[in-house]
Structure formats: C-alpha cells, structure tokens
Amino acid sequence: MTAAAGRDRDAAGRARNARPRDELGRPLPKSAAQDVPRVPDDLVVTPAEAADLGGRLLAEGQPFHAHEVFEAAWKSARGPERELWRGLAQIAVGLTHARRGNAGGSAALLRRGAGHVAAFAGTSAEVDAGFVAAEAAGLALRIERDGLGSLAEADLRLALRPGVE
C-alpha cells in the first residue's frame, strides 16, 4: 500500500484502508497490532453468501463487520435489489452506533435501513425483509423511547430470519 495525500491506496490507485480498527470499526493508531480480522475491501459476494456471512456476523454481535459484507453485496448487486443490501448495511451501522453509545445515530440509521429493507418484504430468498425491517424499526423506537441503557446485549444481535440465532 502506498500513501497518496495521506490515504492508503492499492497498486491501481484505489483507496484502501489499511489502518487497524477495533471490533466496532474505530480506527486505531497505525502502530497498533491488528487483532481484529477484517473483511477485505474488494470482497465480492453473492446474495446467499452475503446473507449467510453477514447474518452470522450480526448474530455474533459483530455489526461493523456485517456492514462491510452487506456493503460488498450492495456494491455488486444490480437492479432494485441493491436497496435491500444498502438497507441491511445501514441497519448494521445503526447497531454499530448503538454499541458505540451513539443513540441518535443508531436510531436514525436503524430507521432508515428498515425503510429500505421493508420494501423487499416477501421478495428475497435470502432475507426475511419484513421481519428484519420490523425488528430494526422496533429497536429504533426503543432506543428513542428508553435509551441505549435499556437494551440488553442480546437486543443488539439481529437475525435475518425469525428463530435464527
């Protein structure tokens, strides 16, 4: 990686972020040991792979990494389905903000993502979009009404289908 104008770039000049991050995606000093595995910047996934890996990461309480998987699916999807993956990425970022203690950002992204995902209720083979949208919108409402302190760890582990842990 080379640094052009202070930004990490690959050999082709595309921006890459080689800076180590913690489990919630917060940048660490460049000298820090990178203990948290990262999702590659150039990940290409099918919808089924994105739902499997991203869903597993959400269930394991790793929403930042799930966001990166959903973002990869969003970037590679064609047509209207892009908005499903965009919404899932936004929901994952909303969960990341909740874990970071940012109630306002969390509720806003959960609600925005839920709106995108809700439009795909009953249409996706990989994701129960109606279920996910309802869960995310409900969580946003709870955060706004009762604050982040009212949530248990399990509340921040979203499933992509009912009954899936």
N, C-alpha and C. Protein backbone atom coordinates (compact mmCIF):
# COMPACT_ATOMS: atom_id res chain seq x y z
N MET A 1 0.84 -1.18 0.00
CA MET A 1 0.00 0.00 0.00
C MET A 1 0.88 1.24 0.00
N THR A 2 0.46 2.19 -0.72
CA THR A 2 1.17 3.46 -0.74
C THR A 2 0.24 4.53 -0.20
N ALA A 3 0.83 5.55 0.34
CA ALA A 3 0.02 6.65 0.88
C ALA A 3 0.12 7.84 -0.06
N ALA A 4 -0.97 8.19 -0.69
CA ALA A 4 -1.04 9.38 -1.53
C ALA A 4 -1.97 10.35 -0.85
N ALA A 5 -1.49 11.54 -0.59
CA ALA A 5 -2.29 12.55 0.11
C ALA A 5 -2.79 12.02 1.43
N GLY A 6 -1.96 11.18 2.10
CA GLY A 6 -2.30 10.69 3.43
C GLY A 6 -3.28 9.54 3.44
N ARG A 7 -3.64 9.01 2.29
CA ARG A 7 -4.63 7.94 2.24
C ARG A 7 -3.99 6.68 1.67
N ASP A 8 -4.30 5.54 2.27
CA ASP A 8 -3.78 4.27 1.78
C ASP A 8 -4.41 3.95 0.43
N ARG A 9 -3.57 3.53 -0.52
CA ARG A 9 -4.04 3.18 -1.85
C ARG A 9 -3.38 1.89 -2.30
N ASP A 10 -4.09 1.13 -3.14
CA ASP A 10 -3.50 -0.08 -3.68
C ASP A 10 -2.68 0.28 -4.92
N ALA A 11 -2.10 -0.74 -5.57
CA ALA A 11 -1.23 -0.50 -6.72
C ALA A 11 -1.95 0.19 -7.87
N ALA A 12 -3.27 0.02 -7.98
CA ALA A 12 -4.05 0.66 -9.04
C ALA A 12 -4.50 2.06 -8.66
N GLY A 13 -4.18 2.51 -7.44
CA GLY A 13 -4.56 3.84 -7.00
C GLY A 13 -5.89 3.94 -6.30
N ARG A 14 -6.59 2.79 -6.13
CA ARG A 14 -7.88 2.81 -5.43
C ARG A 14 -7.65 2.96 -3.93
N ALA A 15 -8.52 3.73 -3.31
CA ALA A 15 -8.40 3.93 -1.86
C ALA A 15 -8.61 2.62 -1.12
N ARG A 16 -7.75 2.37 -0.17
CA ARG A 16 -7.83 1.21 0.71
C ARG A 16 -7.56 1.71 2.11
N ASN A 17 -8.13 1.06 3.07
CA ASN A 17 -7.91 1.46 4.44
C ASN A 17 -7.15 0.36 5.16
N ALA A 18 -5.86 0.52 5.26
CA ALA A 18 -5.01 -0.47 5.91
C ALA A 18 -4.86 -0.20 7.39
N ARG A 19 -5.42 0.88 7.87
CA ARG A 19 -5.27 1.23 9.28
C ARG A 19 -6.00 0.22 10.15
N PRO A 20 -5.36 -0.24 11.22
CA PRO A 20 -6.03 -1.20 12.10
C PRO A 20 -7.28 -0.58 12.74
N ARG A 21 -8.25 -1.43 13.00
CA ARG A 21 -9.51 -0.99 13.62
C ARG A 21 -9.88 -1.93 14.75
N ASP A 22 -10.68 -1.42 15.68
CA ASP A 22 -11.16 -2.29 16.74
C ASP A 22 -12.40 -3.03 16.27
N GLU A 23 -13.01 -3.81 17.15
CA GLU A 23 -14.14 -4.65 16.76
C GLU A 23 -15.37 -3.87 16.33
N LEU A 24 -15.41 -2.57 16.65
CA LEU A 24 -16.53 -1.73 16.23
C LEU A 24 -16.15 -0.78 15.11
N GLY A 25 -15.01 -1.05 14.46
CA GLY A 25 -14.61 -0.28 13.30
C GLY A 25 -13.93 1.03 13.59
N ARG A 26 -13.68 1.32 14.87
CA ARG A 26 -13.00 2.58 15.20
C ARG A 26 -11.52 2.46 14.85
N PRO A 27 -10.97 3.50 14.21
CA PRO A 27 -9.55 3.44 13.84
C PRO A 27 -8.65 3.42 15.06
N LEU A 28 -7.62 2.62 14.96
CA LEU A 28 -6.58 2.54 15.97
C LEU A 28 -5.32 3.21 15.41
N PRO A 29 -4.37 3.53 16.25
CA PRO A 29 -3.12 4.09 15.71
C PRO A 29 -2.50 3.12 14.71
N LYS A 30 -1.84 3.68 13.69
CA LYS A 30 -1.23 2.83 12.65
C LYS A 30 -0.23 1.85 13.24
N SER A 31 0.33 2.18 14.38
CA SER A 31 1.32 1.30 15.01
C SER A 31 0.68 0.16 15.80
N ALA A 32 -0.63 0.19 15.99
CA ALA A 32 -1.32 -0.83 16.79
C ALA A 32 -1.31 -2.17 16.07
N ALA A 33 -1.22 -3.22 16.87
CA ALA A 33 -1.32 -4.56 16.29
C ALA A 33 -2.77 -4.76 15.87
N GLN A 34 -2.96 -5.31 14.70
CA GLN A 34 -4.32 -5.52 14.19
C GLN A 34 -4.78 -6.89 14.65
N ASP A 35 -5.54 -6.93 15.73
CA ASP A 35 -6.02 -8.18 16.29
C ASP A 35 -7.37 -8.60 15.73
N VAL A 36 -8.11 -7.66 15.19
CA VAL A 36 -9.46 -7.94 14.72
C VAL A 36 -9.41 -8.27 13.22
N PRO A 37 -9.85 -9.47 12.83
CA PRO A 37 -9.87 -9.79 11.40
C PRO A 37 -10.77 -8.81 10.65
N ARG A 38 -10.38 -8.50 9.43
CA ARG A 38 -11.11 -7.52 8.63
C ARG A 38 -11.74 -8.18 7.41
N VAL A 39 -12.81 -7.58 6.96
CA VAL A 39 -13.43 -8.00 5.70
C VAL A 39 -12.65 -7.30 4.60
N PRO A 40 -12.19 -8.01 3.57
CA PRO A 40 -11.41 -7.37 2.51
C PRO A 40 -12.19 -6.26 1.82
N ASP A 41 -11.47 -5.18 1.45
CA ASP A 41 -12.09 -4.06 0.75
C ASP A 41 -12.71 -4.47 -0.58
N ASP A 42 -12.15 -5.49 -1.21
CA ASP A 42 -12.60 -5.90 -2.54
C ASP A 42 -13.45 -7.17 -2.51
N LEU A 43 -14.09 -7.43 -1.38
CA LEU A 43 -14.94 -8.62 -1.24
C LEU A 43 -16.05 -8.61 -2.29
N VAL A 44 -16.24 -9.73 -2.95
CA VAL A 44 -17.35 -9.91 -3.88
C VAL A 44 -18.13 -11.11 -3.37
N VAL A 45 -19.43 -10.92 -3.13
CA VAL A 45 -20.26 -11.99 -2.59
C VAL A 45 -21.58 -12.08 -3.34
N THR A 46 -22.12 -13.28 -3.38
CA THR A 46 -23.46 -13.48 -3.93
C THR A 46 -24.45 -13.08 -2.84
N PRO A 47 -25.71 -12.87 -3.18
CA PRO A 47 -26.69 -12.58 -2.14
C PRO A 47 -26.76 -13.68 -1.07
N ALA A 48 -26.69 -14.94 -1.48
CA ALA A 48 -26.75 -16.03 -0.50
C ALA A 48 -25.54 -15.99 0.43
N GLU A 49 -24.36 -15.73 -0.13
CA GLU A 49 -23.15 -15.65 0.70
C GLU A 49 -23.22 -14.46 1.65
N ALA A 50 -23.72 -13.32 1.15
CA ALA A 50 -23.83 -12.13 1.99
C ALA A 50 -24.81 -12.36 3.14
N ALA A 51 -25.93 -13.00 2.85
CA ALA A 51 -26.91 -13.27 3.90
C ALA A 51 -26.33 -14.24 4.93
N ASP A 52 -25.62 -15.25 4.46
CA ASP A 52 -25.04 -16.23 5.38
C ASP A 52 -23.96 -15.59 6.26
N LEU A 53 -22.96 -14.97 5.64
CA LEU A 53 -21.86 -14.39 6.40
C LEU A 53 -22.30 -13.16 7.19
N GLY A 54 -22.99 -12.24 6.54
CA GLY A 54 -23.45 -11.04 7.24
C GLY A 54 -24.42 -11.37 8.37
N GLY A 55 -25.32 -12.32 8.11
CA GLY A 55 -26.26 -12.74 9.14
C GLY A 55 -25.56 -13.37 10.33
N ARG A 56 -24.53 -14.18 10.06
CA ARG A 56 -23.75 -14.80 11.13
C ARG A 56 -23.03 -13.74 11.96
N LEU A 57 -22.45 -12.76 11.28
CA LEU A 57 -21.75 -11.68 11.99
C LEU A 57 -22.71 -10.86 12.86
N LEU A 58 -23.90 -10.57 12.35
CA LEU A 58 -24.89 -9.85 13.17
C LEU A 58 -25.27 -10.66 14.40
N ALA A 59 -25.49 -11.95 14.20
CA ALA A 59 -25.89 -12.82 15.32
C ALA A 59 -24.77 -12.96 16.36
N GLU A 60 -23.53 -12.82 15.91
CA GLU A 60 -22.38 -12.93 16.81
C GLU A 60 -22.05 -11.59 17.48
N GLY A 61 -22.83 -10.55 17.19
CA GLY A 61 -22.57 -9.24 17.78
C GLY A 61 -21.44 -8.49 17.13
N GLN A 62 -21.23 -8.71 15.83
CA GLN A 62 -20.19 -8.01 15.08
C GLN A 62 -20.81 -7.20 13.94
N PRO A 63 -21.61 -6.19 14.28
CA PRO A 63 -22.33 -5.46 13.25
C PRO A 63 -21.43 -4.66 12.31
N PHE A 64 -20.28 -4.18 12.79
CA PHE A 64 -19.41 -3.43 11.88
C PHE A 64 -18.95 -4.31 10.73
N HIS A 65 -18.57 -5.53 11.04
CA HIS A 65 -18.11 -6.45 10.00
C HIS A 65 -19.27 -6.90 9.12
N ALA A 66 -20.45 -7.07 9.70
CA ALA A 66 -21.64 -7.40 8.91
C ALA A 66 -21.92 -6.28 7.91
N HIS A 67 -21.77 -5.04 8.36
CA HIS A 67 -21.97 -3.89 7.48
C HIS A 67 -21.05 -3.97 6.26
N GLU A 68 -19.79 -4.37 6.48
CA GLU A 68 -18.85 -4.46 5.37
C GLU A 68 -19.28 -5.54 4.37
N VAL A 69 -19.82 -6.65 4.86
CA VAL A 69 -20.31 -7.71 3.98
C VAL A 69 -21.52 -7.22 3.20
N PHE A 70 -22.48 -6.59 3.88
CA PHE A 70 -23.67 -6.09 3.21
C PHE A 70 -23.32 -4.98 2.22
N GLU A 71 -22.33 -4.17 2.55
CA GLU A 71 -21.89 -3.13 1.63
C GLU A 71 -21.29 -3.75 0.37
N ALA A 72 -20.54 -4.84 0.53
CA ALA A 72 -19.98 -5.53 -0.64
C ALA A 72 -21.10 -6.07 -1.52
N ALA A 73 -22.15 -6.62 -0.90
CA ALA A 73 -23.30 -7.13 -1.67
C ALA A 73 -24.01 -5.97 -2.37
N TRP A 74 -24.14 -4.86 -1.69
CA TRP A 74 -24.78 -3.67 -2.26
C TRP A 74 -24.02 -3.19 -3.49
N LYS A 75 -22.69 -3.15 -3.37
CA LYS A 75 -21.87 -2.67 -4.49
C LYS A 75 -21.91 -3.60 -5.69
N SER A 76 -22.10 -4.90 -5.45
CA SER A 76 -22.07 -5.85 -6.57
C SER A 76 -23.46 -6.21 -7.09
N ALA A 77 -24.51 -5.85 -6.36
CA ALA A 77 -25.87 -6.17 -6.80
C ALA A 77 -26.28 -5.25 -7.96
N ARG A 78 -27.18 -5.75 -8.77
CA ARG A 78 -27.70 -4.98 -9.89
C ARG A 78 -29.20 -4.80 -9.70
N GLY A 79 -29.72 -3.74 -10.20
CA GLY A 79 -31.16 -3.51 -10.17
C GLY A 79 -31.67 -3.10 -8.80
N PRO A 80 -32.95 -3.26 -8.60
CA PRO A 80 -33.59 -2.79 -7.37
C PRO A 80 -33.09 -3.49 -6.10
N GLU A 81 -32.57 -4.73 -6.25
CA GLU A 81 -32.10 -5.47 -5.07
C GLU A 81 -30.97 -4.74 -4.34
N ARG A 82 -30.30 -3.84 -5.03
CA ARG A 82 -29.24 -3.06 -4.37
C ARG A 82 -29.76 -2.39 -3.09
N GLU A 83 -31.00 -1.91 -3.14
CA GLU A 83 -31.56 -1.19 -1.99
C GLU A 83 -31.76 -2.09 -0.77
N LEU A 84 -32.01 -3.37 -0.99
CA LEU A 84 -32.11 -4.32 0.13
C LEU A 84 -30.77 -4.36 0.86
N TRP A 85 -29.69 -4.54 0.12
CA TRP A 85 -28.36 -4.66 0.73
C TRP A 85 -27.91 -3.34 1.32
N ARG A 86 -28.29 -2.25 0.69
CA ARG A 86 -28.00 -0.92 1.25
C ARG A 86 -28.69 -0.77 2.60
N GLY A 87 -29.95 -1.16 2.66
CA GLY A 87 -30.70 -1.08 3.91
C GLY A 87 -30.11 -1.96 4.99
N LEU A 88 -29.70 -3.18 4.63
CA LEU A 88 -29.08 -4.06 5.61
C LEU A 88 -27.76 -3.48 6.12
N ALA A 89 -26.99 -2.85 5.22
CA ALA A 89 -25.75 -2.20 5.64
C ALA A 89 -26.06 -1.07 6.62
N GLN A 90 -27.11 -0.30 6.35
CA GLN A 90 -27.48 0.81 7.24
C GLN A 90 -27.93 0.28 8.60
N ILE A 91 -28.67 -0.80 8.61
CA ILE A 91 -29.09 -1.40 9.88
C ILE A 91 -27.87 -1.85 10.67
N ALA A 92 -26.91 -2.48 10.00
CA ALA A 92 -25.70 -2.93 10.68
C ALA A 92 -24.91 -1.74 11.25
N VAL A 93 -24.87 -0.63 10.51
CA VAL A 93 -24.20 0.56 11.02
C VAL A 93 -24.97 1.12 12.21
N GLY A 94 -26.30 1.07 12.14
CA GLY A 94 -27.11 1.51 13.28
C GLY A 94 -26.80 0.70 14.53
N LEU A 95 -26.63 -0.60 14.38
CA LEU A 95 -26.26 -1.46 15.51
C LEU A 95 -24.85 -1.13 16.01
N THR A 96 -23.97 -0.80 15.07
CA THR A 96 -22.61 -0.40 15.46
C THR A 96 -22.65 0.88 16.28
N HIS A 97 -23.44 1.86 15.84
CA HIS A 97 -23.58 3.09 16.61
C HIS A 97 -24.15 2.83 18.01
N ALA A 98 -25.09 1.92 18.10
CA ALA A 98 -25.65 1.58 19.42
C ALA A 98 -24.55 1.02 20.32
N ARG A 99 -23.72 0.15 19.79
CA ARG A 99 -22.62 -0.43 20.58
C ARG A 99 -21.58 0.62 20.95
N ARG A 100 -21.47 1.65 20.15
CA ARG A 100 -20.52 2.74 20.44
C ARG A 100 -21.11 3.78 21.39
N GLY A 101 -22.42 3.67 21.69
CA GLY A 101 -23.06 4.60 22.61
C GLY A 101 -23.71 5.80 21.95
N ASN A 102 -23.88 5.78 20.65
CA ASN A 102 -24.47 6.90 19.92
C ASN A 102 -25.95 6.61 19.65
N ALA A 103 -26.81 6.97 20.59
CA ALA A 103 -28.23 6.65 20.48
C ALA A 103 -28.89 7.32 19.28
N GLY A 104 -28.63 8.60 19.07
CA GLY A 104 -29.26 9.32 17.96
C GLY A 104 -28.88 8.76 16.60
N GLY A 105 -27.59 8.53 16.39
CA GLY A 105 -27.13 7.96 15.13
C GLY A 105 -27.65 6.55 14.93
N SER A 106 -27.71 5.80 16.02
CA SER A 106 -28.20 4.43 15.95
C SER A 106 -29.66 4.40 15.51
N ALA A 107 -30.50 5.16 16.18
CA ALA A 107 -31.93 5.15 15.86
C ALA A 107 -32.17 5.63 14.43
N ALA A 108 -31.45 6.67 14.02
CA ALA A 108 -31.64 7.20 12.67
C ALA A 108 -31.27 6.18 11.60
N LEU A 109 -30.14 5.49 11.77
CA LEU A 109 -29.72 4.51 10.76
C LEU A 109 -30.57 3.25 10.79
N LEU A 110 -30.98 2.82 11.97
CA LEU A 110 -31.88 1.67 12.06
C LEU A 110 -33.19 1.96 11.33
N ARG A 111 -33.72 3.13 11.55
CA ARG A 111 -34.99 3.52 10.91
C ARG A 111 -34.82 3.66 9.40
N ARG A 112 -33.74 4.30 8.96
CA ARG A 112 -33.51 4.48 7.52
C ARG A 112 -33.31 3.13 6.84
N GLY A 113 -32.50 2.27 7.45
CA GLY A 113 -32.28 0.95 6.88
C GLY A 113 -33.55 0.13 6.85
N ALA A 114 -34.35 0.23 7.91
CA ALA A 114 -35.62 -0.51 7.95
C ALA A 114 -36.52 -0.08 6.80
N GLY A 115 -36.52 1.19 6.47
CA GLY A 115 -37.33 1.68 5.36
C GLY A 115 -36.92 1.07 4.03
N HIS A 116 -35.62 0.96 3.80
CA HIS A 116 -35.14 0.34 2.55
C HIS A 116 -35.48 -1.14 2.52
N VAL A 117 -35.24 -1.82 3.64
CA VAL A 117 -35.45 -3.28 3.70
C VAL A 117 -36.92 -3.63 3.60
N ALA A 118 -37.79 -2.84 4.23
CA ALA A 118 -39.23 -3.14 4.24
C ALA A 118 -39.81 -3.26 2.83
N ALA A 119 -39.25 -2.52 1.89
CA ALA A 119 -39.75 -2.55 0.52
C ALA A 119 -39.56 -3.93 -0.13
N PHE A 120 -38.75 -4.80 0.48
CA PHE A 120 -38.47 -6.12 -0.08
C PHE A 120 -39.16 -7.25 0.67
N ALA A 121 -40.11 -6.90 1.53
CA ALA A 121 -40.85 -7.92 2.28
C ALA A 121 -41.47 -8.93 1.32
N GLY A 122 -41.18 -10.19 1.56
CA GLY A 122 -41.75 -11.26 0.75
C GLY A 122 -41.09 -11.48 -0.59
N THR A 123 -40.00 -10.76 -0.90
CA THR A 123 -39.39 -10.88 -2.23
C THR A 123 -38.01 -11.52 -2.23
N SER A 124 -37.36 -11.61 -1.08
CA SER A 124 -35.99 -12.11 -1.04
C SER A 124 -35.94 -13.55 -0.55
N ALA A 125 -35.20 -14.38 -1.26
CA ALA A 125 -35.00 -15.77 -0.83
C ALA A 125 -34.00 -15.85 0.32
N GLU A 126 -33.13 -14.83 0.46
CA GLU A 126 -32.05 -14.88 1.44
C GLU A 126 -32.40 -14.24 2.78
N VAL A 127 -33.30 -13.27 2.77
CA VAL A 127 -33.57 -12.46 3.95
C VAL A 127 -35.07 -12.33 4.13
N ASP A 128 -35.55 -12.47 5.37
CA ASP A 128 -36.95 -12.18 5.66
C ASP A 128 -37.03 -10.68 5.90
N ALA A 129 -37.17 -9.93 4.82
CA ALA A 129 -37.07 -8.48 4.86
C ALA A 129 -38.13 -7.84 5.76
N GLY A 130 -39.34 -8.37 5.76
CA GLY A 130 -40.38 -7.83 6.62
C GLY A 130 -40.02 -7.98 8.09
N PHE A 131 -39.50 -9.13 8.45
CA PHE A 131 -39.07 -9.40 9.83
C PHE A 131 -37.93 -8.47 10.23
N VAL A 132 -36.90 -8.38 9.38
CA VAL A 132 -35.74 -7.54 9.69
C VAL A 132 -36.15 -6.08 9.83
N ALA A 133 -36.98 -5.59 8.91
CA ALA A 133 -37.42 -4.20 8.96
C ALA A 133 -38.19 -3.92 10.25
N ALA A 134 -39.07 -4.84 10.64
CA ALA A 134 -39.84 -4.65 11.87
C ALA A 134 -38.93 -4.66 13.09
N GLU A 135 -37.98 -5.57 13.11
CA GLU A 135 -37.04 -5.64 14.25
C GLU A 135 -36.22 -4.37 14.36
N ALA A 136 -35.69 -3.89 13.23
CA ALA A 136 -34.85 -2.69 13.24
C ALA A 136 -35.66 -1.46 13.64
N ALA A 137 -36.87 -1.32 13.08
CA ALA A 137 -37.72 -0.17 13.42
C ALA A 137 -38.12 -0.21 14.89
N GLY A 138 -38.42 -1.41 15.39
CA GLY A 138 -38.77 -1.56 16.80
C GLY A 138 -37.61 -1.21 17.71
N LEU A 139 -36.42 -1.61 17.33
CA LEU A 139 -35.23 -1.29 18.12
C LEU A 139 -34.98 0.22 18.12
N ALA A 140 -35.16 0.86 16.97
CA ALA A 140 -35.00 2.32 16.89
C ALA A 140 -35.99 3.01 17.84
N LEU A 141 -37.21 2.55 17.85
CA LEU A 141 -38.22 3.12 18.73
C LEU A 141 -37.84 2.95 20.20
N ARG A 142 -37.38 1.75 20.57
CA ARG A 142 -36.96 1.51 21.95
C ARG A 142 -35.80 2.41 22.35
N ILE A 143 -34.85 2.60 21.45
CA ILE A 143 -33.71 3.47 21.75
C ILE A 143 -34.18 4.89 21.96
N GLU A 144 -35.06 5.38 21.10
CA GLU A 144 -35.57 6.74 21.24
C GLU A 144 -36.40 6.91 22.51
N ARG A 145 -37.18 5.91 22.83
CA ARG A 145 -38.09 6.00 23.98
C ARG A 145 -37.38 5.77 25.31
N ASP A 146 -36.51 4.73 25.36
CA ASP A 146 -35.94 4.28 26.64
C ASP A 146 -34.44 4.46 26.77
N GLY A 147 -33.76 4.79 25.67
CA GLY A 147 -32.32 4.97 25.70
C GLY A 147 -31.55 3.66 25.53
N LEU A 148 -30.28 3.79 25.23
CA LEU A 148 -29.43 2.62 25.00
C LEU A 148 -29.26 1.78 26.27
N GLY A 149 -29.33 2.42 27.42
CA GLY A 149 -29.15 1.71 28.69
C GLY A 149 -30.23 0.68 28.94
N SER A 150 -31.34 0.79 28.25
CA SER A 150 -32.44 -0.16 28.45
C SER A 150 -32.25 -1.46 27.67
N LEU A 151 -31.23 -1.49 26.80
CA LEU A 151 -31.04 -2.64 25.92
C LEU A 151 -30.08 -3.65 26.53
N ALA A 152 -30.41 -4.90 26.34
CA ALA A 152 -29.51 -5.99 26.72
C ALA A 152 -28.60 -6.29 25.53
N GLU A 153 -27.50 -6.96 25.79
CA GLU A 153 -26.58 -7.37 24.72
C GLU A 153 -27.32 -8.11 23.62
N ALA A 154 -28.22 -8.99 23.99
CA ALA A 154 -28.96 -9.80 23.00
C ALA A 154 -29.83 -8.94 22.09
N ASP A 155 -30.26 -7.77 22.56
CA ASP A 155 -31.09 -6.88 21.75
C ASP A 155 -30.34 -6.33 20.54
N LEU A 156 -29.01 -6.34 20.61
CA LEU A 156 -28.18 -5.79 19.54
C LEU A 156 -27.64 -6.87 18.61
N ARG A 157 -28.21 -8.06 18.71
CA ARG A 157 -27.84 -9.18 17.83
C ARG A 157 -29.05 -9.51 16.97
N LEU A 158 -29.10 -8.93 15.81
CA LEU A 158 -30.25 -9.05 14.92
C LEU A 158 -30.12 -10.28 14.03
N ALA A 159 -31.21 -10.99 13.85
CA ALA A 159 -31.26 -12.13 12.93
C ALA A 159 -31.90 -11.70 11.62
N LEU A 160 -31.54 -12.38 10.54
CA LEU A 160 -32.13 -12.07 9.23
C LEU A 160 -33.40 -12.88 8.96
N ARG A 161 -33.69 -13.81 9.86
CA ARG A 161 -34.91 -14.62 9.78
C ARG A 161 -35.38 -14.91 11.20
N PRO A 162 -36.68 -15.02 11.43
CA PRO A 162 -37.14 -15.34 12.78
C PRO A 162 -36.65 -16.72 13.21
N GLY A 163 -36.31 -16.82 14.48
CA GLY A 163 -35.89 -18.10 15.04
C GLY A 163 -34.45 -18.49 14.74
N VAL A 164 -33.71 -17.63 14.04
CA VAL A 164 -32.31 -17.92 13.72
C VAL A 164 -31.44 -17.22 14.72
N GLU A 165 -30.56 -17.95 15.33
CA GLU A 165 -29.64 -17.35 16.32
C GLU A 165 -28.31 -17.09 15.69
